Amino acid sequence: MKIFYYMPYHKSLGADYWIYEGWKYAFIDLGHEFIEINNFSRDIKEYTKFGFPEILFIPNIGDVMINECDTLEWVRKNGTVVFMVVHWPMKEQEIKSIRSRDIADVYFSEREPESMGEFYNITGKKYFNIPQAANKNWHFPVESAKDYEYDILYLGARLPKKEAMFKSVLLPLKKKYKVGIFGPYWNNEDNFLRLVQKIFRKIKYEKWANKINEIRFKKYIFPKEIQNMLYSSSKICLNFHEREKDGSQPHLILTQRTFVIPACGGFEICDYVPPLRKYFSEEEMVMATMDKEDWFKKIEYYMNNEKERNTIRQKGTKRALSDHTYHNRVKTVIDIYTEVRNKMSEY
């Protein structure tokens, strides 16, 4: 099967790059042809000279839903099944495109279905939940390495909607434990480079924007091998999700990190996201409430109970690698594709 995958910016510092690599490896490893699309209309017109893909996979909306409707309709008329990522709320123009142009066959995202009810109510389109996952090629347990051993590890960007948890939970832990914090936006230099990069993108200086992105990627994103060692070597790995100021999570998702930490052999304490229990049981992953004292109690308990910590870690790793890799998600995509094609054949 031939897959076109839309990736406007390669090697971004956000989750897009890691998600892309997960899908790419899984599709190819399962025997499919995988073609990356950067410039939407231009690349699609070029690559379709050699045949249309069975699937056009669009996990990054950008301005595609508004400005590329003609191209989307064209590939669909030629037999391609279009998978289009969606969120909620959406722009009025995006909703109009969905309702009036019927630009995709499958509307999906990692957001849990209970947070996407309005999407169906407003557009009338069925929504498919395809959660994030771990990359079997990158995420797996390795031997513990002394240079990467931390009591507490947080590997991720300093995002504004996580700042409350950083200030109330993560940063205070440095007073008591050996804490490792790594990722973008944690220092002034990276924030300055990010600002300059945004300016270059805004004025269409893509060459310089990409150059700065490369510098930031090399400086602030650890190679996958080091990430594995950090997760495998640290005692407790923390995971926080973006939230509004009142603590709510209207964009109800589980981050890729949720699956990556246990896949790499890490012991994870995750913040309170109820759908987590659909993927990991209490025996496979620990979940803490939004009360900082609950975090401190759980952290202290598992720091002092290595045997129980390792039992949970091992069960979590087994679950992640068996049920929550991009290989599993590709099988879901193929099942959805088959369902769509079967319905088409009925007409």
C-alpha atoms as a PDB file:
ATOM      1  CA  MET A   1       0.000   0.000   0.000  1.00  0.00           C
ATOM      2  CA  LYS A   2       1.274   3.486  -0.849  1.00  0.00           C
ATOM      3  CA  ILE A   3       1.052   6.166   1.859  1.00  0.00           C
ATOM      4  CA  PHE A   4       1.504   9.922   1.381  1.00  0.00           C
ATOM      5  CA  TYR A   5       2.281  11.593   4.726  1.00  0.00           C
ATOM      6  CA  TYR A   6       2.034  15.377   5.052  1.00  0.00           C
ATOM      7  CA  MET A   7       4.910  16.834   7.101  1.00  0.00           C
ATOM      8  CA  PRO A   8       5.289  20.600   6.476  1.00  0.00           C
ATOM      9  CA  TYR A   9       8.312  21.069   8.753  1.00  0.00           C
ATOM     10  CA  HIS A  10      10.783  18.236   9.155  1.00  0.00           C
ATOM     11  CA  LYS A  11      12.699  17.896  12.432  1.00  0.00           C
ATOM     12  CA  SER A  12      10.633  20.390  14.382  1.00  0.00           C
ATOM     13  CA  LEU A  13      11.261  20.598  18.124  1.00  0.00           C
ATOM     14  CA  GLY A  14       7.667  19.717  18.880  1.00  0.00           C
ATOM     15  CA  ALA A  15       6.022  16.318  18.952  1.00  0.00           C
ATOM     16  CA  ASP A  16       5.413  16.336  15.175  1.00  0.00           C
ATOM     17  CA  TYR A  17       8.871  14.988  14.371  1.00  0.00           C
ATOM     18  CA  TRP A  18       8.697  12.095  16.844  1.00  0.00           C
ATOM     19  CA  ILE A  19       5.179  11.222  15.726  1.00  0.00           C
ATOM     20  CA  TYR A  20       6.264  11.313  12.082  1.00  0.00           C
ATOM     21  CA  GLU A  21       9.199   8.982  12.715  1.00  0.00           C
ATOM     22  CA  GLY A  22       6.925   6.546  14.542  1.00  0.00           C
ATOM     23  CA  TRP A  23       4.423   6.368  11.693  1.00  0.00           C
ATOM     24  CA  LYS A  24       7.173   6.191   9.079  1.00  0.00           C
ATOM     25  CA  TYR A  25       8.995   3.264  10.647  1.00  0.00           C
ATOM     26  CA  ALA A  26       5.805   1.312  11.343  1.00  0.00           C
ATOM     27  CA  PHE A  27       4.360   1.738   7.843  1.00  0.00           C
ATOM     28  CA  ILE A  28       7.636   0.768   6.168  1.00  0.00           C
ATOM     29  CA  ASP A  29       8.339  -2.097   8.562  1.00  0.00           C
ATOM     30  CA  LEU A  30       4.881  -3.505   7.842  1.00  0.00           C
ATOM     31  CA  GLY A  31       5.595  -3.508   4.114  1.00  0.00           C
ATOM     32  CA  HIS A  32       4.019  -0.264   2.922  1.00  0.00           C
ATOM     33  CA  GLU A  33       5.520   2.439   0.710  1.00  0.00           C
ATOM     34  CA  PHE A  34       5.888   5.710   2.627  1.00  0.00           C
ATOM     35  CA  ILE A  35       6.315   9.078   0.886  1.00  0.00           C
ATOM     36  CA  GLU A  36       6.784  12.336   2.789  1.00  0.00           C
ATOM     37  CA  ILE A  37       4.916  15.395   1.495  1.00  0.00           C
ATOM     38  CA  ASN A  38       6.267  18.837   2.475  1.00  0.00           C
ATOM     39  CA  ASN A  39       4.813  21.299  -0.026  1.00  0.00           C
ATOM     40  CA  PHE A  40       1.252  20.045  -0.197  1.00  0.00           C
ATOM     41  CA  SER A  41      -0.074  20.698  -3.714  1.00  0.00           C
ATOM     42  CA  ARG A  42       3.292  20.719  -5.471  1.00  0.00           C
ATOM     43  CA  ASP A  43       4.528  17.448  -3.988  1.00  0.00           C
ATOM     44  CA  ILE A  44       1.226  15.640  -4.431  1.00  0.00           C
ATOM     45  CA  LYS A  45       1.023  16.607  -8.101  1.00  0.00           C
ATOM     46  CA  GLU A  46       4.626  15.501  -8.585  1.00  0.00           C
ATOM     47  CA  TYR A  47       4.394  12.158  -6.802  1.00  0.00           C
ATOM     48  CA  THR A  48       1.010  11.180  -8.241  1.00  0.00           C
ATOM     49  CA  LYS A  49       2.644  11.062 -11.679  1.00  0.00           C
ATOM     50  CA  PHE A  50       3.760   7.615 -10.542  1.00  0.00           C
ATOM     51  CA  GLY A  51       0.347   6.605  -9.231  1.00  0.00           C
ATOM     52  CA  PHE A  52      -2.091   7.749  -6.581  1.00  0.00           C
ATOM     53  CA  PRO A  53      -1.644   6.549  -3.005  1.00  0.00           C
ATOM     54  CA  GLU A  54      -4.170   4.391  -1.234  1.00  0.00           C
ATOM     55  CA  ILE A  55      -3.932   6.733   1.768  1.00  0.00           C
ATOM     56  CA  LEU A  56      -3.146  10.436   2.124  1.00  0.00           C
ATOM     57  CA  PHE A  57      -2.370  10.887   5.817  1.00  0.00           C
ATOM     58  CA  ILE A  58      -2.598  14.449   7.147  1.00  0.00           C
ATOM     59  CA  PRO A  59      -1.664  14.669  10.852  1.00  0.00           C
ATOM     60  CA  ASN A  60      -0.845  18.409  10.575  1.00  0.00           C
ATOM     61  CA  ILE A  61      -3.694  20.643   9.438  1.00  0.00           C
ATOM     62  CA  GLY A  62      -1.757  23.855   8.800  1.00  0.00           C
ATOM     63  CA  ASP A  63      -3.801  25.700   6.188  1.00  0.00           C
ATOM     64  CA  VAL A  64      -4.585  22.550   4.201  1.00  0.00           C
ATOM     65  CA  MET A  65      -8.225  22.378   5.226  1.00  0.00           C
ATOM     66  CA  ILE A  66      -8.838  25.931   4.025  1.00  0.00           C
ATOM     67  CA  ASN A  67      -6.492  26.430   1.061  1.00  0.00           C
ATOM     68  CA  GLU A  68      -6.087  22.949  -0.423  1.00  0.00           C
ATOM     69  CA  CYS A  69      -9.685  21.803  -0.863  1.00  0.00           C
ATOM     70  CA  ASP A  70      -9.329  21.396  -4.629  1.00  0.00           C
ATOM     71  CA  THR A  71      -6.297  19.127  -4.259  1.00  0.00           C
ATOM     72  CA  LEU A  72      -8.036  17.086  -1.574  1.00  0.00           C
ATOM     73  CA  GLU A  73     -11.110  16.580  -3.740  1.00  0.00           C
ATOM     74  CA  TRP A  74      -8.913  15.687  -6.713  1.00  0.00           C
ATOM     75  CA  VAL A  75      -7.024  12.901  -4.937  1.00  0.00           C
ATOM     76  CA  ARG A  76     -10.248  11.517  -3.489  1.00  0.00           C
ATOM     77  CA  LYS A  77     -11.817  11.371  -6.953  1.00  0.00           C
ATOM     78  CA  ASN A  78      -8.819   9.308  -8.009  1.00  0.00           C
ATOM     79  CA  GLY A  79      -9.400   6.693  -5.333  1.00  0.00           C
ATOM     80  CA  THR A  80      -7.248   7.942  -2.460  1.00  0.00           C
ATOM     81  CA  VAL A  81      -8.672   7.686   1.051  1.00  0.00           C
ATOM     82  CA  VAL A  82      -7.859  10.898   2.926  1.00  0.00           C
ATOM     83  CA  PHE A  83      -7.167  10.770   6.672  1.00  0.00           C
ATOM     84  CA  MET A  84      -7.503  14.309   8.064  1.00  0.00           C
ATOM     85  CA  VAL A  85      -6.579  15.248  11.623  1.00  0.00           C
ATOM     86  CA  VAL A  86      -9.122  17.415  13.442  1.00  0.00           C
ATOM     87  CA  HIS A  87      -9.448  19.109  16.812  1.00  0.00           C
ATOM     88  CA  TRP A  88     -12.062  21.098  18.683  1.00  0.00           C
ATOM     89  CA  PRO A  89     -12.886  23.926  18.630  1.00  0.00           C
ATOM     90  CA  MET A  90     -12.077  24.575  14.974  1.00  0.00           C
ATOM     91  CA  LYS A  91     -11.979  27.679  12.792  1.00  0.00           C
ATOM     92  CA  GLU A  92     -15.220  28.621  11.080  1.00  0.00           C
ATOM     93  CA  GLN A  93     -13.577  28.225   7.656  1.00  0.00           C
ATOM     94  CA  GLU A  94     -12.382  24.735   8.560  1.00  0.00           C
ATOM     95  CA  ILE A  95     -15.866  23.699   9.625  1.00  0.00           C
ATOM     96  CA  LYS A  96     -17.256  25.144   6.395  1.00  0.00           C
ATOM     97  CA  SER A  97     -14.747  23.140   4.341  1.00  0.00           C
ATOM     98  CA  ILE A  98     -15.707  19.923   6.108  1.00  0.00           C
ATOM     99  CA  ARG A  99     -19.435  20.489   5.726  1.00  0.00           C
ATOM    100  CA  SER A 100     -19.533  21.881   2.190  1.00  0.00           C
ATOM    101  CA  ARG A 101     -16.551  20.336   0.395  1.00  0.00           C
ATOM    102  CA  ASP A 102     -16.330  16.898   2.037  1.00  0.00           C
ATOM    103  CA  ILE A 103     -12.548  17.048   1.867  1.00  0.00           C
ATOM    104  CA  ALA A 104     -11.701  13.816   3.698  1.00  0.00           C
ATOM    105  CA  ASP A 105     -12.910  10.272   4.224  1.00  0.00           C
ATOM    106  CA  VAL A 106     -11.633   9.864   7.774  1.00  0.00           C
ATOM    107  CA  TYR A 107     -11.510  12.561  10.447  1.00  0.00           C
ATOM    108  CA  PHE A 108      -9.255  11.528  13.300  1.00  0.00           C
ATOM    109  CA  SER A 109      -6.886  12.618  16.051  1.00  0.00           C
ATOM    110  CA  GLU A 110      -5.362  11.492  19.336  1.00  0.00           C
ATOM    111  CA  ARG A 111      -8.061  13.327  21.284  1.00  0.00           C
ATOM    112  CA  GLU A 112     -10.304  11.088  23.313  1.00  0.00           C
ATOM    113  CA  PRO A 113     -13.847  10.730  21.889  1.00  0.00           C
ATOM    114  CA  GLU A 114     -15.514  12.289  24.939  1.00  0.00           C
ATOM    115  CA  SER A 115     -13.868  15.628  24.083  1.00  0.00           C
ATOM    116  CA  MET A 116     -14.927  15.531  20.413  1.00  0.00           C
ATOM    117  CA  GLY A 117     -18.705  15.279  20.712  1.00  0.00           C
ATOM    118  CA  GLU A 118     -19.223  18.790  19.358  1.00  0.00           C
ATOM    119  CA  PHE A 119     -17.244  17.924  16.240  1.00  0.00           C
ATOM    120  CA  TYR A 120     -19.845  15.337  15.275  1.00  0.00           C
ATOM    121  CA  ASN A 121     -22.767  17.523  16.349  1.00  0.00           C
ATOM    122  CA  ILE A 122     -21.618  20.450  14.202  1.00  0.00           C
ATOM    123  CA  THR A 123     -20.142  18.679  11.164  1.00  0.00           C
ATOM    124  CA  GLY A 124     -22.127  15.447  11.123  1.00  0.00           C
ATOM    125  CA  LYS A 125     -18.903  13.553  10.444  1.00  0.00           C
ATOM    126  CA  LYS A 126     -17.812  10.426  12.261  1.00  0.00           C
ATOM    127  CA  TYR A 127     -14.749  10.871  14.438  1.00  0.00           C
ATOM    128  CA  PHE A 128     -12.001   8.269  14.849  1.00  0.00           C
ATOM    129  CA  ASN A 129      -9.681   8.225  17.852  1.00  0.00           C
ATOM    130  CA  ILE A 130      -6.133   7.087  17.015  1.00  0.00           C
ATOM    131  CA  PRO A 131      -3.992   7.576  20.142  1.00  0.00           C
ATOM    132  CA  GLN A 132      -0.324   8.389  20.128  1.00  0.00           C
ATOM    133  CA  ALA A 133       2.175   5.603  20.658  1.00  0.00           C
ATOM    134  CA  ALA A 134       5.787   4.481  21.010  1.00  0.00           C
ATOM    135  CA  ASN A 135       8.178   3.816  18.140  1.00  0.00           C
ATOM    136  CA  LYS A 136       9.433   0.206  18.249  1.00  0.00           C
ATOM    137  CA  ASN A 137      12.577   1.240  16.399  1.00  0.00           C
ATOM    138  CA  TRP A 138      13.483   3.891  18.964  1.00  0.00           C
ATOM    139  CA  HIS A 139      11.699   3.121  22.212  1.00  0.00           C
ATOM    140  CA  PHE A 140      12.752   0.022  24.121  1.00  0.00           C
ATOM    141  CA  PRO A 141      14.506  -0.742  27.428  1.00  0.00           C
ATOM    142  CA  VAL A 142      18.299  -0.544  27.631  1.00  0.00           C
ATOM    143  CA  GLU A 143      20.825  -1.222  30.360  1.00  0.00           C
ATOM    144  CA  SER A 144      20.971   1.416  33.070  1.00  0.00           C
ATOM    145  CA  ALA A 145      23.883   3.834  32.642  1.00  0.00           C
ATOM    146  CA  LYS A 146      25.371   5.667  35.633  1.00  0.00           C
ATOM    147  CA  ASP A 147      25.799   8.958  33.765  1.00  0.00           C
ATOM    148  CA  TYR A 148      22.058   9.051  33.105  1.00  0.00           C
ATOM    149  CA  GLU A 149      20.756   8.036  36.513  1.00  0.00           C
ATOM    150  CA  TYR A 150      18.366  10.487  38.161  1.00  0.00           C
ATOM    151  CA  ASP A 151      15.953  10.142  41.031  1.00  0.00           C
ATOM    152  CA  ILE A 152      13.400  12.177  39.094  1.00  0.00           C
ATOM    153  CA  LEU A 153      13.375  12.762  35.339  1.00  0.00           C
ATOM    154  CA  TYR A 154      11.334  15.121  33.208  1.00  0.00           C
ATOM    155  CA  LEU A 155      12.078  15.065  29.504  1.00  0.00           C
ATOM    156  CA  GLY A 156       9.989  17.583  27.573  1.00  0.00           C
ATOM    157  CA  ALA A 157       9.384  21.182  26.594  1.00  0.00           C
ATOM    158  CA  ARG A 158       8.552  23.921  29.081  1.00  0.00           C
ATOM    159  CA  LEU A 159       5.075  24.669  27.786  1.00  0.00           C
ATOM    160  CA  PRO A 160       2.942  27.456  29.298  1.00  0.00           C
ATOM    161  CA  LYS A 161      -0.042  25.181  29.914  1.00  0.00           C
ATOM    162  CA  LYS A 162       2.130  22.896  32.046  1.00  0.00           C
ATOM    163  CA  GLU A 163       3.760  25.685  34.031  1.00  0.00           C
ATOM    164  CA  ALA A 164       1.482  25.292  37.047  1.00  0.00           C
ATOM    165  CA  MET A 165       2.608  21.682  37.504  1.00  0.00           C
ATOM    166  CA  PHE A 166       6.232  22.597  36.902  1.00  0.00           C
ATOM    167  CA  LYS A 167       6.134  25.222  39.643  1.00  0.00           C
ATOM    168  CA  SER A 168       4.085  23.264  42.161  1.00  0.00           C
ATOM    169  CA  VAL A 169       5.538  19.771  41.641  1.00  0.00           C
ATOM    170  CA  LEU A 170       8.590  19.439  39.396  1.00  0.00           C
ATOM    171  CA  LEU A 171      10.835  22.317  40.451  1.00  0.00           C
ATOM    172  CA  PRO A 172      10.333  21.898  44.240  1.00  0.00           C
ATOM    173  CA  LEU A 173      11.547  18.293  43.923  1.00  0.00           C
ATOM    174  CA  LYS A 174      15.044  19.635  43.220  1.00  0.00           C
ATOM    175  CA  LYS A 175      15.385  20.504  46.908  1.00  0.00           C
ATOM    176  CA  LYS A 176      15.207  16.845  47.920  1.00  0.00           C
ATOM    177  CA  TYR A 177      16.155  14.679  44.938  1.00  0.00           C
ATOM    178  CA  LYS A 178      18.549  14.496  42.022  1.00  0.00           C
ATOM    179  CA  VAL A 179      16.290  15.866  39.288  1.00  0.00           C
ATOM    180  CA  GLY A 180      17.019  15.844  35.561  1.00  0.00           C
ATOM    181  CA  ILE A 181      15.058  18.313  33.407  1.00  0.00           C
ATOM    182  CA  PHE A 182      15.752  18.337  29.675  1.00  0.00           C
ATOM    183  CA  GLY A 183      14.042  19.729  26.582  1.00  0.00           C
ATOM    184  CA  PRO A 184      13.234  22.919  24.655  1.00  0.00           C
ATOM    185  CA  TYR A 185      12.278  26.290  26.194  1.00  0.00           C
ATOM    186  CA  TRP A 186      14.020  25.713  29.529  1.00  0.00           C
ATOM    187  CA  ASN A 187      16.600  28.488  29.058  1.00  0.00           C
ATOM    188  CA  ASN A 188      16.764  32.029  27.696  1.00  0.00           C
ATOM    189  CA  GLU A 189      19.005  31.153  24.762  1.00  0.00           C
ATOM    190  CA  ASP A 190      16.536  28.659  23.337  1.00  0.00           C
ATOM    191  CA  ASN A 191      13.605  31.008  23.883  1.00  0.00           C
ATOM    192  CA  PHE A 192      15.464  33.758  22.011  1.00  0.00           C
ATOM    193  CA  LEU A 193      16.266  31.430  19.105  1.00  0.00           C
ATOM    194  CA  ARG A 194      12.646  30.322  19.023  1.00  0.00           C
ATOM    195  CA  LEU A 195      11.490  33.948  18.773  1.00  0.00           C
ATOM    196  CA  VAL A 196      13.886  34.663  15.896  1.00  0.00           C
ATOM    197  CA  GLN A 197      12.765  31.483  14.151  1.00  0.00           C
ATOM    198  CA  LYS A 198       9.123  32.574  14.397  1.00  0.00           C
ATOM    199  CA  ILE A 199       9.978  35.971  12.911  1.00  0.00           C
ATOM    200  CA  PHE A 200      11.754  34.360   9.951  1.00  0.00           C
ATOM    201  CA  ARG A 201       8.780  32.070   9.335  1.00  0.00           C
ATOM    202  CA  LYS A 202       6.388  35.012   9.473  1.00  0.00           C
ATOM    203  CA  ILE A 203       8.328  36.978   6.862  1.00  0.00           C
ATOM    204  CA  LYS A 204       8.771  33.837   4.710  1.00  0.00           C
ATOM    205  CA  TYR A 205      12.536  33.452   5.229  1.00  0.00           C
ATOM    206  CA  GLU A 206      12.183  29.684   5.380  1.00  0.00           C
ATOM    207  CA  LYS A 207      15.877  28.990   4.758  1.00  0.00           C
ATOM    208  CA  TRP A 208      16.950  30.883   7.873  1.00  0.00           C
ATOM    209  CA  ALA A 209      14.028  29.617   9.932  1.00  0.00           C
ATOM    210  CA  ASN A 210      15.046  26.055   9.091  1.00  0.00           C
ATOM    211  CA  LYS A 211      18.685  26.819   9.898  1.00  0.00           C
ATOM    212  CA  ILE A 212      17.777  28.043  13.372  1.00  0.00           C
ATOM    213  CA  ASN A 213      15.527  25.032  13.826  1.00  0.00           C
ATOM    214  CA  GLU A 214      18.484  22.746  13.053  1.00  0.00           C
ATOM    215  CA  ILE A 215      20.621  24.540  15.653  1.00  0.00           C
ATOM    216  CA  ARG A 216      17.912  24.233  18.299  1.00  0.00           C
ATOM    217  CA  PHE A 217      17.258  20.600  17.427  1.00  0.00           C
ATOM    218  CA  LYS A 218      20.914  19.657  17.883  1.00  0.00           C
ATOM    219  CA  LYS A 219      21.267  21.578  21.152  1.00  0.00           C
ATOM    220  CA  TYR A 220      18.021  20.817  22.938  1.00  0.00           C
ATOM    221  CA  ILE A 221      16.726  17.502  21.593  1.00  0.00           C
ATOM    222  CA  PHE A 222      18.608  14.461  22.813  1.00  0.00           C
ATOM    223  CA  PRO A 223      19.309  11.639  20.361  1.00  0.00           C
ATOM    224  CA  LYS A 224      16.924   8.725  20.773  1.00  0.00           C
ATOM    225  CA  GLU A 225      19.677   6.566  22.283  1.00  0.00           C
ATOM    226  CA  ILE A 226      20.183   9.028  25.133  1.00  0.00           C
ATOM    227  CA  GLN A 227      16.446   9.322  25.719  1.00  0.00           C
ATOM    228  CA  ASN A 228      16.274   5.548  26.099  1.00  0.00           C
ATOM    229  CA  MET A 229      19.116   5.593  28.613  1.00  0.00           C
ATOM    230  CA  LEU A 230      17.556   8.434  30.592  1.00  0.00           C
ATOM    231  CA  TYR A 231      14.202   6.676  30.891  1.00  0.00           C
ATOM    232  CA  SER A 232      15.744   3.268  31.594  1.00  0.00           C
ATOM    233  CA  SER A 233      18.236   4.623  34.147  1.00  0.00           C
ATOM    234  CA  SER A 234      16.081   7.023  36.171  1.00  0.00           C
ATOM    235  CA  LYS A 235      14.045   5.877  39.146  1.00  0.00           C
ATOM    236  CA  ILE A 236      10.896   7.909  38.467  1.00  0.00           C
ATOM    237  CA  CYS A 237       9.844   9.616  35.220  1.00  0.00           C
ATOM    238  CA  LEU A 238       7.158  12.298  35.380  1.00  0.00           C
ATOM    239  CA  ASN A 239       4.540  13.082  32.765  1.00  0.00           C
ATOM    240  CA  PHE A 240       2.354  16.203  32.709  1.00  0.00           C
ATOM    241  CA  HIS A 241      -0.380  17.177  30.248  1.00  0.00           C
ATOM    242  CA  GLU A 242      -1.344  20.650  29.082  1.00  0.00           C
ATOM    243  CA  ARG A 243      -4.185  22.219  31.053  1.00  0.00           C
ATOM    244  CA  GLU A 244      -6.189  25.408  31.282  1.00  0.00           C
ATOM    245  CA  LYS A 245      -5.730  27.729  34.266  1.00  0.00           C
ATOM    246  CA  ASP A 246      -8.569  26.018  36.121  1.00  0.00           C
ATOM    247  CA  GLY A 247      -6.840  22.649  35.716  1.00  0.00           C
ATOM    248  CA  SER A 248      -9.275  21.347  33.112  1.00  0.00           C
ATOM    249  CA  GLN A 249      -8.164  19.530  29.985  1.00  0.00           C
ATOM    250  CA  PRO A 250     -10.708  20.276  27.225  1.00  0.00           C
ATOM    251  CA  HIS A 251      -8.312  18.913  24.573  1.00  0.00           C
ATOM    252  CA  LEU A 252      -8.392  15.503  26.220  1.00  0.00           C
ATOM    253  CA  ILE A 253      -5.372  13.560  24.987  1.00  0.00           C
ATOM    254  CA  LEU A 254      -2.630  11.297  26.203  1.00  0.00           C
ATOM    255  CA  THR A 255       0.763  12.583  25.135  1.00  0.00           C
ATOM    256  CA  GLN A 256       3.218  10.456  23.217  1.00  0.00           C
ATOM    257  CA  ARG A 257       5.380  10.504  26.353  1.00  0.00           C
ATOM    258  CA  THR A 258       2.680   8.506  28.144  1.00  0.00           C
ATOM    259  CA  PHE A 259       3.544   5.522  25.960  1.00  0.00           C
ATOM    260  CA  VAL A 260       7.235   6.249  25.364  1.00  0.00           C
ATOM    261  CA  ILE A 261       8.320   6.225  29.020  1.00  0.00           C
ATOM    262  CA  PRO A 262       7.183   2.651  29.762  1.00  0.00           C
ATOM    263  CA  ALA A 263       8.258   1.451  26.302  1.00  0.00           C
ATOM    264  CA  CYS A 264      11.785   2.629  27.169  1.00  0.00           C
ATOM    265  CA  GLY A 265      11.693   0.763  30.464  1.00  0.00           C
ATOM    266  CA  GLY A 266      10.858   3.771  32.611  1.00  0.00           C
ATOM    267  CA  PHE A 267       8.664   3.933  35.700  1.00  0.00           C
ATOM    268  CA  GLU A 268       6.051   6.619  35.053  1.00  0.00           C
ATOM    269  CA  ILE A 269       3.915   8.768  37.295  1.00  0.00           C
ATOM    270  CA  CYS A 270       1.332  10.523  35.135  1.00  0.00           C
ATOM    271  CA  ASP A 271      -0.947  13.399  36.039  1.00  0.00           C
ATOM    272  CA  TYR A 272      -4.692  12.848  36.317  1.00  0.00           C
ATOM    273  CA  VAL A 273      -6.121  11.992  32.892  1.00  0.00           C
ATOM    274  CA  PRO A 274      -9.022   9.535  33.372  1.00  0.00           C
ATOM    275  CA  PRO A 275      -8.759   7.899  29.903  1.00  0.00           C
ATOM    276  CA  LEU A 276      -5.297   6.669  30.913  1.00  0.00           C
ATOM    277  CA  ARG A 277      -6.951   3.623  32.451  1.00  0.00           C
ATOM    278  CA  LYS A 278      -8.154   2.512  29.019  1.00  0.00           C
ATOM    279  CA  TYR A 279      -4.504   1.963  28.118  1.00  0.00           C
ATOM    280  CA  PHE A 280      -2.692   1.124  31.365  1.00  0.00           C
ATOM    281  CA  SER A 281      -4.052  -0.435  34.543  1.00  0.00           C
ATOM    282  CA  GLU A 282      -3.110   0.620  38.073  1.00  0.00           C
ATOM    283  CA  GLU A 283      -0.637  -2.263  38.073  1.00  0.00           C
ATOM    284  CA  GLU A 284       1.080  -0.866  34.960  1.00  0.00           C
ATOM    285  CA  MET A 285       1.255   2.883  35.587  1.00  0.00           C
ATOM    286  CA  VAL A 286       0.796   5.239  38.523  1.00  0.00           C
ATOM    287  CA  MET A 287      -1.530   8.224  38.194  1.00  0.00           C
ATOM    288  CA  ALA A 288      -1.439  11.186  40.597  1.00  0.00           C
ATOM    289  CA  THR A 289      -4.178  13.713  41.268  1.00  0.00           C
ATOM    290  CA  MET A 290      -3.781  17.445  40.710  1.00  0.00           C
ATOM    291  CA  ASP A 291      -2.923  17.906  44.399  1.00  0.00           C
ATOM    292  CA  LYS A 292       0.824  18.490  44.762  1.00  0.00           C
ATOM    293  CA  GLU A 293       0.858  16.663  48.089  1.00  0.00           C
ATOM    294  CA  ASP A 294      -0.407  13.533  46.349  1.00  0.00           C
ATOM    295  CA  TRP A 295       2.547  13.786  43.972  1.00  0.00           C
ATOM    296  CA  PHE A 296       5.052  14.202  46.790  1.00  0.00           C
ATOM    297  CA  LYS A 297       3.596  11.263  48.735  1.00  0.00           C
ATOM    298  CA  LYS A 298       3.599   8.947  45.723  1.00  0.00           C
ATOM    299  CA  ILE A 299       7.109   9.968  44.720  1.00  0.00           C
ATOM    300  CA  GLU A 300       8.449   9.393  48.224  1.00  0.00           C
ATOM    301  CA  TYR A 301       6.646   6.059  48.479  1.00  0.00           C
ATOM    302  CA  TYR A 302       7.987   4.651  45.222  1.00  0.00           C
ATOM    303  CA  MET A 303      11.463   6.046  45.840  1.00  0.00           C
ATOM    304  CA  ASN A 304      11.532   3.917  48.984  1.00  0.00           C
ATOM    305  CA  ASN A 305       9.871   0.814  47.509  1.00  0.00           C
ATOM    306  CA  GLU A 306      12.122  -0.320  44.692  1.00  0.00           C
ATOM    307  CA  LYS A 307      10.625  -3.803  44.349  1.00  0.00           C
ATOM    308  CA  GLU A 308       7.082  -2.506  43.854  1.00  0.00           C
ATOM    309  CA  ARG A 309       8.358   0.217  41.553  1.00  0.00           C
ATOM    310  CA  ASN A 310      10.146  -2.313  39.362  1.00  0.00           C
ATOM    311  CA  THR A 311       7.112  -4.602  39.229  1.00  0.00           C
ATOM    312  CA  ILE A 312       4.923  -1.767  37.932  1.00  0.00           C
ATOM    313  CA  ARG A 313       7.655  -0.665  35.549  1.00  0.00           C
ATOM    314  CA  GLN A 314       8.017  -4.136  34.032  1.00  0.00           C
ATOM    315  CA  LYS A 315       4.273  -4.553  33.563  1.00  0.00           C
ATOM    316  CA  GLY A 316       3.991  -1.094  32.013  1.00  0.00           C
ATOM    317  CA  THR A 317       6.804  -1.836  29.588  1.00  0.00           C
ATOM    318  CA  LYS A 318       5.194  -5.102  28.539  1.00  0.00           C
ATOM    319  CA  ARG A 319       1.855  -3.372  27.921  1.00  0.00           C
ATOM    320  CA  ALA A 320       3.376  -0.477  25.974  1.00  0.00           C
ATOM    321  CA  LEU A 321       5.414  -2.687  23.658  1.00  0.00           C
ATOM    322  CA  SER A 322       2.591  -5.152  23.037  1.00  0.00           C
ATOM    323  CA  ASP A 323      -0.384  -2.795  22.602  1.00  0.00           C
ATOM    324  CA  HIS A 324       0.782   0.789  22.191  1.00  0.00           C
ATOM    325  CA  THR A 325       3.333   1.119  19.398  1.00  0.00           C
ATOM    326  CA  TYR A 326       2.861   2.728  16.003  1.00  0.00           C
ATOM    327  CA  HIS A 327       2.710  -0.780  14.577  1.00  0.00           C
ATOM    328  CA  ASN A 328      -0.537  -1.181  16.524  1.00  0.00           C
ATOM    329  CA  ARG A 329      -1.762   2.192  15.281  1.00  0.00           C
ATOM    330  CA  VAL A 330      -0.954   1.360  11.637  1.00  0.00           C
ATOM    331  CA  LYS A 331      -3.111  -1.742  11.954  1.00  0.00           C
ATOM    332  CA  THR A 332      -5.908   0.514  13.214  1.00  0.00           C
ATOM    333  CA  VAL A 333      -5.445   2.804  10.203  1.00  0.00           C
ATOM    334  CA  ILE A 334      -5.583  -0.145   7.802  1.00  0.00           C
ATOM    335  CA  ASP A 335      -8.742  -1.432   9.492  1.00  0.00           C
ATOM    336  CA  ILE A 336     -10.375   1.994   9.111  1.00  0.00           C
ATOM    337  CA  TYR A 337      -9.208   2.193   5.496  1.00  0.00           C
ATOM    338  CA  THR A 338     -10.744  -1.221   4.786  1.00  0.00           C
ATOM    339  CA  GLU A 339     -14.012  -0.145   6.408  1.00  0.00           C
ATOM    340  CA  VAL A 340     -14.142   2.999   4.264  1.00  0.00           C
ATOM    341  CA  ARG A 341     -13.332   1.137   1.038  1.00  0.00           C
ATOM    342  CA  ASN A 342     -15.973  -1.494   1.767  1.00  0.00           C
ATOM    343  CA  LYS A 343     -18.599   1.208   2.251  1.00  0.00           C
ATOM    344  CA  MET A 344     -17.529   2.842  -1.026  1.00  0.00           C
ATOM    345  CA  SER A 345     -18.015  -0.433  -2.871  1.00  0.00           C
ATOM    346  CA  GLU A 346     -21.602  -0.615  -1.639  1.00  0.00           C
ATOM    347  CA  TYR A 347     -22.536   2.473  -3.643  1.00  0.00           C
END
